[in-house]
C-alpha atoms as a PDB file:
ATOM      1  CA  MET A   1      -8.090  42.068  64.661  1.00  0.00           C
ATOM      2  CA  ASN A   2      -6.892  38.588  64.783  1.00  0.00           C
ATOM      3  CA  LEU A   3     -10.227  37.741  63.043  1.00  0.00           C
ATOM      4  CA  TYR A   4      -9.472  39.847  60.074  1.00  0.00           C
ATOM      5  CA  TYR A   5      -6.418  38.588  59.526  1.00  0.00           C
ATOM      6  CA  ARG A   6      -7.488  34.886  59.694  1.00  0.00           C
ATOM      7  CA  ILE A   7      -9.726  35.845  56.941  1.00  0.00           C
ATOM      8  CA  PHE A   8      -7.400  37.580  54.561  1.00  0.00           C
ATOM      9  CA  TRP A   9      -4.941  34.671  54.637  1.00  0.00           C
ATOM     10  CA  SER A  10      -7.918  31.712  54.047  1.00  0.00           C
ATOM     11  CA  THR A  11      -9.250  34.429  51.357  1.00  0.00           C
ATOM     12  CA  VAL A  12      -5.391  34.662  50.088  1.00  0.00           C
ATOM     13  CA  LEU A  13      -4.846  30.575  50.301  1.00  0.00           C
ATOM     14  CA  ILE A  14      -8.561  30.125  48.402  1.00  0.00           C
ATOM     15  CA  LEU A  15      -7.761  32.080  45.904  1.00  0.00           C
ATOM     16  CA  ALA A  16      -4.264  30.558  45.257  1.00  0.00           C
ATOM     17  CA  SER A  17      -5.864  27.032  44.889  1.00  0.00           C
ATOM     18  CA  ILE A  18      -7.961  27.986  42.505  1.00  0.00           C
ATOM     19  CA  LEU A  19      -5.637  29.394  40.622  1.00  0.00           C
ATOM     20  CA  THR A  20      -3.261  26.624  40.832  1.00  0.00           C
ATOM     21  CA  THR A  21      -6.229  23.918  40.055  1.00  0.00           C
ATOM     22  CA  ASN A  22      -7.242  26.128  36.542  1.00  0.00           C
ATOM     23  CA  LYS A  23      -3.646  25.946  35.957  1.00  0.00           C
ATOM     24  CA  THR A  24      -3.187  22.437  36.209  1.00  0.00           C
ATOM     25  CA  ILE A  25      -6.798  22.117  34.268  1.00  0.00           C
ATOM     26  CA  LEU A  26      -4.872  24.261  31.518  1.00  0.00           C
ATOM     27  CA  ALA A  27      -2.260  21.483  30.359  1.00  0.00           C
ATOM     28  CA  SER A  28      -4.162  19.147  28.126  1.00  0.00           C
ATOM     29  CA  THR A  29      -3.356  16.414  26.276  1.00  0.00           C
ATOM     30  CA  LYS A  30      -3.339  17.558  21.567  1.00  0.00           C
ATOM     31  CA  ASN A  31      -4.678  15.452  19.178  1.00  0.00           C
ATOM     32  CA  THR A  32      -3.622  15.699  15.636  1.00  0.00           C
ATOM     33  CA  SER A  33      -4.119  13.758  12.398  1.00  0.00           C
ATOM     34  CA  LEU A  34      -1.753  14.644   9.624  1.00  0.00           C
ATOM     35  CA  LEU A  35      -2.110  13.605   5.977  1.00  0.00           C
ATOM     36  CA  ILE A  36       0.584  12.194   3.360  1.00  0.00           C
ATOM     37  CA  ASP A  37       0.452  11.793   0.046  1.00  0.00           C
ATOM     38  CA  SER A  38       2.137   8.735  -1.057  1.00  0.00           C
ATOM     39  CA  ASN A  39       1.465   8.498  -4.421  1.00  0.00           C
ATOM     40  CA  ASN A  40       4.756   9.314  -5.674  1.00  0.00           C
ATOM     41  CA  ASN A  41       6.421   6.646  -2.925  1.00  0.00           C
ATOM     42  CA  ASN A  42       7.782   3.293  -4.732  1.00  0.00           C
ATOM     43  CA  SER A  43       7.597   1.185  -1.533  1.00  0.00           C
ATOM     44  CA  TYR A  44       5.906   0.795   1.781  1.00  0.00           C
ATOM     45  CA  LYS A  45       8.746   1.031   3.888  1.00  0.00           C
ATOM     46  CA  SER A  46       9.774   4.531   2.378  1.00  0.00           C
ATOM     47  CA  LEU A  47       5.978   5.602   2.925  1.00  0.00           C
ATOM     48  CA  VAL A  48       7.003   4.572   6.865  1.00  0.00           C
ATOM     49  CA  GLU A  49       9.717   6.355   7.622  1.00  0.00           C
ATOM     50  CA  LYS A  50       8.075   9.775   6.142  1.00  0.00           C
ATOM     51  CA  ALA A  51       5.653   8.899   8.447  1.00  0.00           C
ATOM     52  CA  GLU A  52       7.965   8.422  11.491  1.00  0.00           C
ATOM     53  CA  ASN A  53       9.715  11.698  10.192  1.00  0.00           C
ATOM     54  CA  LEU A  54       7.106  13.897  10.321  1.00  0.00           C
ATOM     55  CA  ALA A  55       5.671  12.438  13.556  1.00  0.00           C
ATOM     56  CA  LYS A  56       9.036  13.155  15.400  1.00  0.00           C
ATOM     57  CA  ASN A  57       9.291  16.976  14.014  1.00  0.00           C
ATOM     58  CA  THR A  58       5.536  17.495  15.006  1.00  0.00           C
ATOM     59  CA  ILE A  59       5.724  16.395  18.470  1.00  0.00           C
ATOM     60  CA  ASN A  60       9.414  18.176  19.130  1.00  0.00           C
ATOM     61  CA  GLN A  61       7.468  21.305  17.702  1.00  0.00           C
ATOM     62  CA  GLU A  62       4.348  20.937  19.534  1.00  0.00           C
ATOM     63  CA  PHE A  63       6.274  20.270  22.619  1.00  0.00           C
ATOM     64  CA  LYS A  64       8.672  23.495  21.831  1.00  0.00           C
ATOM     65  CA  ASN A  65       5.691  26.134  20.946  1.00  0.00           C
ATOM     66  CA  ASN A  66       2.982  24.872  23.580  1.00  0.00           C
ATOM     67  CA  PRO A  67       4.592  24.767  27.231  1.00  0.00           C
ATOM     68  CA  GLU A  68       0.914  23.671  28.126  1.00  0.00           C
ATOM     69  CA  ILE A  69       0.909  20.470  26.507  1.00  0.00           C
ATOM     70  CA  THR A  70       1.350  17.529  28.623  1.00  0.00           C
ATOM     71  CA  GLU A  71       0.559  14.657  25.482  1.00  0.00           C
ATOM     72  CA  ILE A  72       0.280  14.561  22.490  1.00  0.00           C
ATOM     73  CA  THR A  73      -1.538  12.031  20.661  1.00  0.00           C
ATOM     74  CA  ILE A  74      -0.738  11.854  16.662  1.00  0.00           C
ATOM     75  CA  THR A  75      -1.894   9.912  14.064  1.00  0.00           C
ATOM     76  CA  ILE A  76      -0.250  10.093  10.210  1.00  0.00           C
ATOM     77  CA  LEU A  77      -2.926   9.264   7.441  1.00  0.00           C
ATOM     78  CA  GLY A  78      -1.702   7.840   3.862  1.00  0.00           C
ATOM     79  CA  GLU A  79      -3.233   8.912   0.798  1.00  0.00           C
ATOM     80  CA  ARG A  80      -2.720   6.665  -2.173  1.00  0.00           C
ATOM     81  CA  GLN A  81      -5.117   5.873  -5.207  1.00  0.00           C
ATOM     82  CA  SER A  82      -8.046   7.766  -3.695  1.00  0.00           C
ATOM     83  CA  GLN A  83      -7.633   5.125  -0.229  1.00  0.00           C
ATOM     84  CA  ILE A  84      -6.868   7.010   2.998  1.00  0.00           C
ATOM     85  CA  VAL A  85      -5.467   5.162   5.542  1.00  0.00           C
ATOM     86  CA  PRO A  86      -3.374   5.466   9.162  1.00  0.00           C
ATOM     87  CA  ILE A  87      -0.221   4.406   9.243  1.00  0.00           C
ATOM     88  CA  LEU A  88       0.650   4.931  12.542  1.00  0.00           C
ATOM     89  CA  ARG A  89      -0.457   6.737  15.745  1.00  0.00           C
ATOM     90  CA  SER A  90       2.342   7.890  18.710  1.00  0.00           C
ATOM     91  CA  LYS A  91       1.066   9.020  22.139  1.00  0.00           C
ATOM     92  CA  ILE A  92       3.612  10.481  24.100  1.00  0.00           C
ATOM     93  CA  SER A  93       3.324  12.951  27.152  1.00  0.00           C
ATOM     94  CA  ARG A  94       6.376  15.589  27.626  1.00  0.00           C
ATOM     95  CA  ALA A  95       8.497  13.561  30.196  1.00  0.00           C
ATOM     96  CA  GLU A  96       8.881  10.756  28.062  1.00  0.00           C
ATOM     97  CA  TRP A  97       9.771  12.762  25.053  1.00  0.00           C
ATOM     98  CA  GLN A  98      11.957  14.823  27.089  1.00  0.00           C
ATOM     99  CA  LYS A  99      13.353  11.292  28.170  1.00  0.00           C
ATOM    100  CA  ASN A 100      14.207   9.701  24.961  1.00  0.00           C
ATOM    101  CA  ALA A 101      12.967  11.547  21.616  1.00  0.00           C
ATOM    102  CA  GLU A 102      12.317   8.692  19.804  1.00  0.00           C
ATOM    103  CA  ILE A 103       8.854   7.348  19.307  1.00  0.00           C
ATOM    104  CA  ASP A 104       9.831   3.929  18.006  1.00  0.00           C
ATOM    105  CA  ASN A 105       8.667   2.347  21.808  1.00  0.00           C
ATOM    106  CA  LEU A 106       5.546   4.665  21.630  1.00  0.00           C
ATOM    107  CA  THR A 107       3.927   4.325  18.233  1.00  0.00           C
ATOM    108  CA  ARG A 108       1.621   1.713  16.980  1.00  0.00           C
ATOM    109  CA  TYR A 109       1.851   0.878  13.498  1.00  0.00           C
ATOM    110  CA  PHE A 110      -0.814   0.022  11.446  1.00  0.00           C
ATOM    111  CA  ALA A 111       0.371  -3.136   9.390  1.00  0.00           C
ATOM    112  CA  ASP A 112      -2.955  -3.363   7.058  1.00  0.00           C
ATOM    113  CA  ALA A 113      -1.940   0.120   5.278  1.00  0.00           C
ATOM    114  CA  LYS A 114       0.536  -1.467   3.299  1.00  0.00           C
ATOM    115  CA  TYR A 115      -2.447  -3.635   1.653  1.00  0.00           C
ATOM    116  CA  LEU A 116      -5.275  -0.974   1.579  1.00  0.00           C
ATOM    117  CA  LEU A 117      -3.194   1.605   0.108  1.00  0.00           C
ATOM    118  CA  LYS A 118      -2.064  -1.483  -2.382  1.00  0.00           C
ATOM    119  CA  PHE A 119       1.527  -1.519  -1.721  1.00  0.00           C
ATOM    120  CA  ASP A 120       1.158  -5.391  -1.555  1.00  0.00           C
ATOM    121  CA  ASN A 121       3.562  -6.342  -4.321  1.00  0.00           C
ATOM    122  CA  ASP A 122       6.162  -3.895  -2.249  1.00  0.00           C
ATOM    123  CA  ASN A 123       9.214  -6.031  -4.541  1.00  0.00           C
ATOM    124  CA  GLN A 124       9.254  -3.782  -7.215  1.00  0.00           C
ATOM    125  CA  ASP A 125      13.246  -3.427  -6.895  1.00  0.00           C
ATOM    126  CA  THR A 126      12.875  -6.901  -9.060  1.00  0.00           C
ATOM    127  CA  PRO A 127      10.542  -6.951 -11.878  1.00  0.00           C
ATOM    128  CA  LYS A 128       7.782  -9.801 -11.373  1.00  0.00           C
ATOM    129  CA  THR A 129       7.697 -12.151 -14.355  1.00  0.00           C
ATOM    130  CA  GLN A 130       5.482 -15.256 -14.744  1.00  0.00           C
ATOM    131  CA  PRO A 131       7.595 -18.889 -14.841  1.00  0.00           C
ATOM    132  CA  GLN A 132       8.303 -19.847 -17.762  1.00  0.00           C
ATOM    133  CA  THR A 133       7.084 -23.372 -19.274  1.00  0.00           C
ATOM    134  CA  PRO A 134       9.154 -25.059 -21.466  1.00  0.00           C
ATOM    135  CA  ASP A 135       7.625 -25.760 -25.172  1.00  0.00           C
ATOM    136  CA  SER A 136       7.894 -29.344 -24.540  1.00  0.00           C
ATOM    137  CA  SER A 137       6.092 -29.369 -21.693  1.00  0.00           C
ATOM    138  CA  PRO A 138       3.427 -32.581 -21.421  1.00  0.00           C
ATOM    139  CA  GLN A 139      -0.108 -31.810 -23.077  1.00  0.00           C
ATOM    140  CA  ILE A 140      -2.807 -33.683 -20.895  1.00  0.00           C
ATOM    141  CA  PRO A 141      -5.326 -34.961 -23.814  1.00  0.00           C
ATOM    142  CA  ALA A 142      -9.244 -33.382 -23.084  1.00  0.00           C
ATOM    143  CA  PRO A 143     -11.278 -36.628 -22.224  1.00  0.00           C
ATOM    144  CA  PRO A 144     -13.607 -37.708 -25.524  1.00  0.00           C
ATOM    145  CA  PRO A 145     -17.635 -36.824 -26.218  1.00  0.00           C
ATOM    146  CA  PRO A 146     -19.459 -39.249 -25.042  1.00  0.00           C
ATOM    147  CA  SER A 147     -21.211 -41.419 -28.027  1.00  0.00           C
ATOM    148  CA  PRO A 148     -24.805 -41.341 -28.910  1.00  0.00           C
ATOM    149  CA  ASN A 149     -24.720 -45.263 -27.551  1.00  0.00           C
ATOM    150  CA  THR A 150     -23.736 -44.858 -23.812  1.00  0.00           C
ATOM    151  CA  GLN A 151     -26.254 -41.982 -23.136  1.00  0.00           C
ATOM    152  CA  PRO A 152     -26.914 -42.005 -19.080  1.00  0.00           C
ATOM    153  CA  ILE A 153     -30.682 -43.834 -18.411  1.00  0.00           C
ATOM    154  CA  VAL A 154     -33.124 -42.002 -16.593  1.00  0.00           C
ATOM    155  CA  PRO A 155     -35.809 -43.915 -14.430  1.00  0.00           C
ATOM    156  CA  GLN A 156     -38.915 -43.272 -16.247  1.00  0.00           C
ATOM    157  CA  PRO A 157     -42.046 -43.010 -14.706  1.00  0.00           C
ATOM    158  CA  SER A 158     -44.165 -46.202 -14.318  1.00  0.00           C
ATOM    159  CA  LYS A 159     -47.171 -46.390 -16.210  1.00  0.00           C
ATOM    160  CA  LYS A 160     -49.654 -48.119 -13.666  1.00  0.00           C
ATOM    161  CA  SER A 161     -51.923 -46.769 -11.321  1.00  0.00           C
ATOM    162  CA  PRO A 162     -51.375 -47.378  -7.421  1.00  0.00           C
ATOM    163  CA  THR A 163     -52.517 -50.300  -6.039  1.00  0.00           C
ATOM    164  CA  PRO A 164     -55.226 -49.477  -3.102  1.00  0.00           C
ATOM    165  CA  PRO A 165     -54.185 -49.917   0.272  1.00  0.00           C
ATOM    166  CA  THR A 166     -54.550 -53.477   1.743  1.00  0.00           C
ATOM    167  CA  SER A 167     -55.193 -52.568   5.234  1.00  0.00           C
ATOM    168  CA  LYS A 168     -58.500 -52.364   6.754  1.00  0.00           C
ATOM    169  CA  PRO A 169     -59.370 -48.692   8.205  1.00  0.00           C
ATOM    170  CA  PRO A 170     -59.374 -49.035  12.348  1.00  0.00           C
ATOM    171  CA  ILE A 171     -62.579 -50.249  14.297  1.00  0.00           C
ATOM    172  CA  PHE A 172     -63.339 -47.969  17.039  1.00  0.00           C
ATOM    173  CA  PRO A 173     -65.926 -48.869  19.652  1.00  0.00           C
ATOM    174  CA  SER A 174     -69.368 -47.062  19.234  1.00  0.00           C
ATOM    175  CA  ASP A 175     -71.904 -45.719  21.688  1.00  0.00           C
ATOM    176  CA  GLU A 176     -73.605 -49.489  21.807  1.00  0.00           C
ATOM    177  CA  GLU A 177     -70.875 -51.537  22.382  1.00  0.00           C
ATOM    178  CA  ASP A 178     -70.439 -49.061  25.857  1.00  0.00           C
ATOM    179  CA  SER A 179     -74.007 -49.995  27.094  1.00  0.00           C
ATOM    180  CA  GLU A 180     -73.275 -53.153  26.884  1.00  0.00           C
ATOM    181  CA  ILE A 181     -70.731 -53.279  29.497  1.00  0.00           C
ATOM    182  CA  ASP A 182     -72.994 -51.721  32.737  1.00  0.00           C
ATOM    183  CA  ASP A 183     -72.287 -53.255  36.120  1.00  0.00           C
END
């Protein structure tokens, strides 16, 4: 009877470990990408604030609705004038979120998105004007055109034929000279 008792409990323990292992496997990471339309935004700053609020609300909702999720990676994309660019990406665990529900420290902001979405003239509060030049600004006269007498001199090819070389061709020893040198 002792043998059956041991087999029973070892089977129960094996099944319990398998079930708890599968439970930890079910805990997962969720990757989410969301797109916001930024054609109506006047500034890049307001677009980033809108993206941060959307990320916070989405993370809060995912952790509340899905208890098996242990970590969320969320990417907020912005669309403006047919350009789609990532604005921010947050990666946060459930423990970090419960400790502090702010994503600022755990978020990567894509600074180039401002220029890719053509927010580079972000000072729309003040209209950009071209600096006015006074009418009495000094005028620099253009240089005078060259006169016909001052045409550049272009070297002309010489009409002489080249002179033949004055050096003598090299003299190589012949077989006849080699026969004179006998020991």
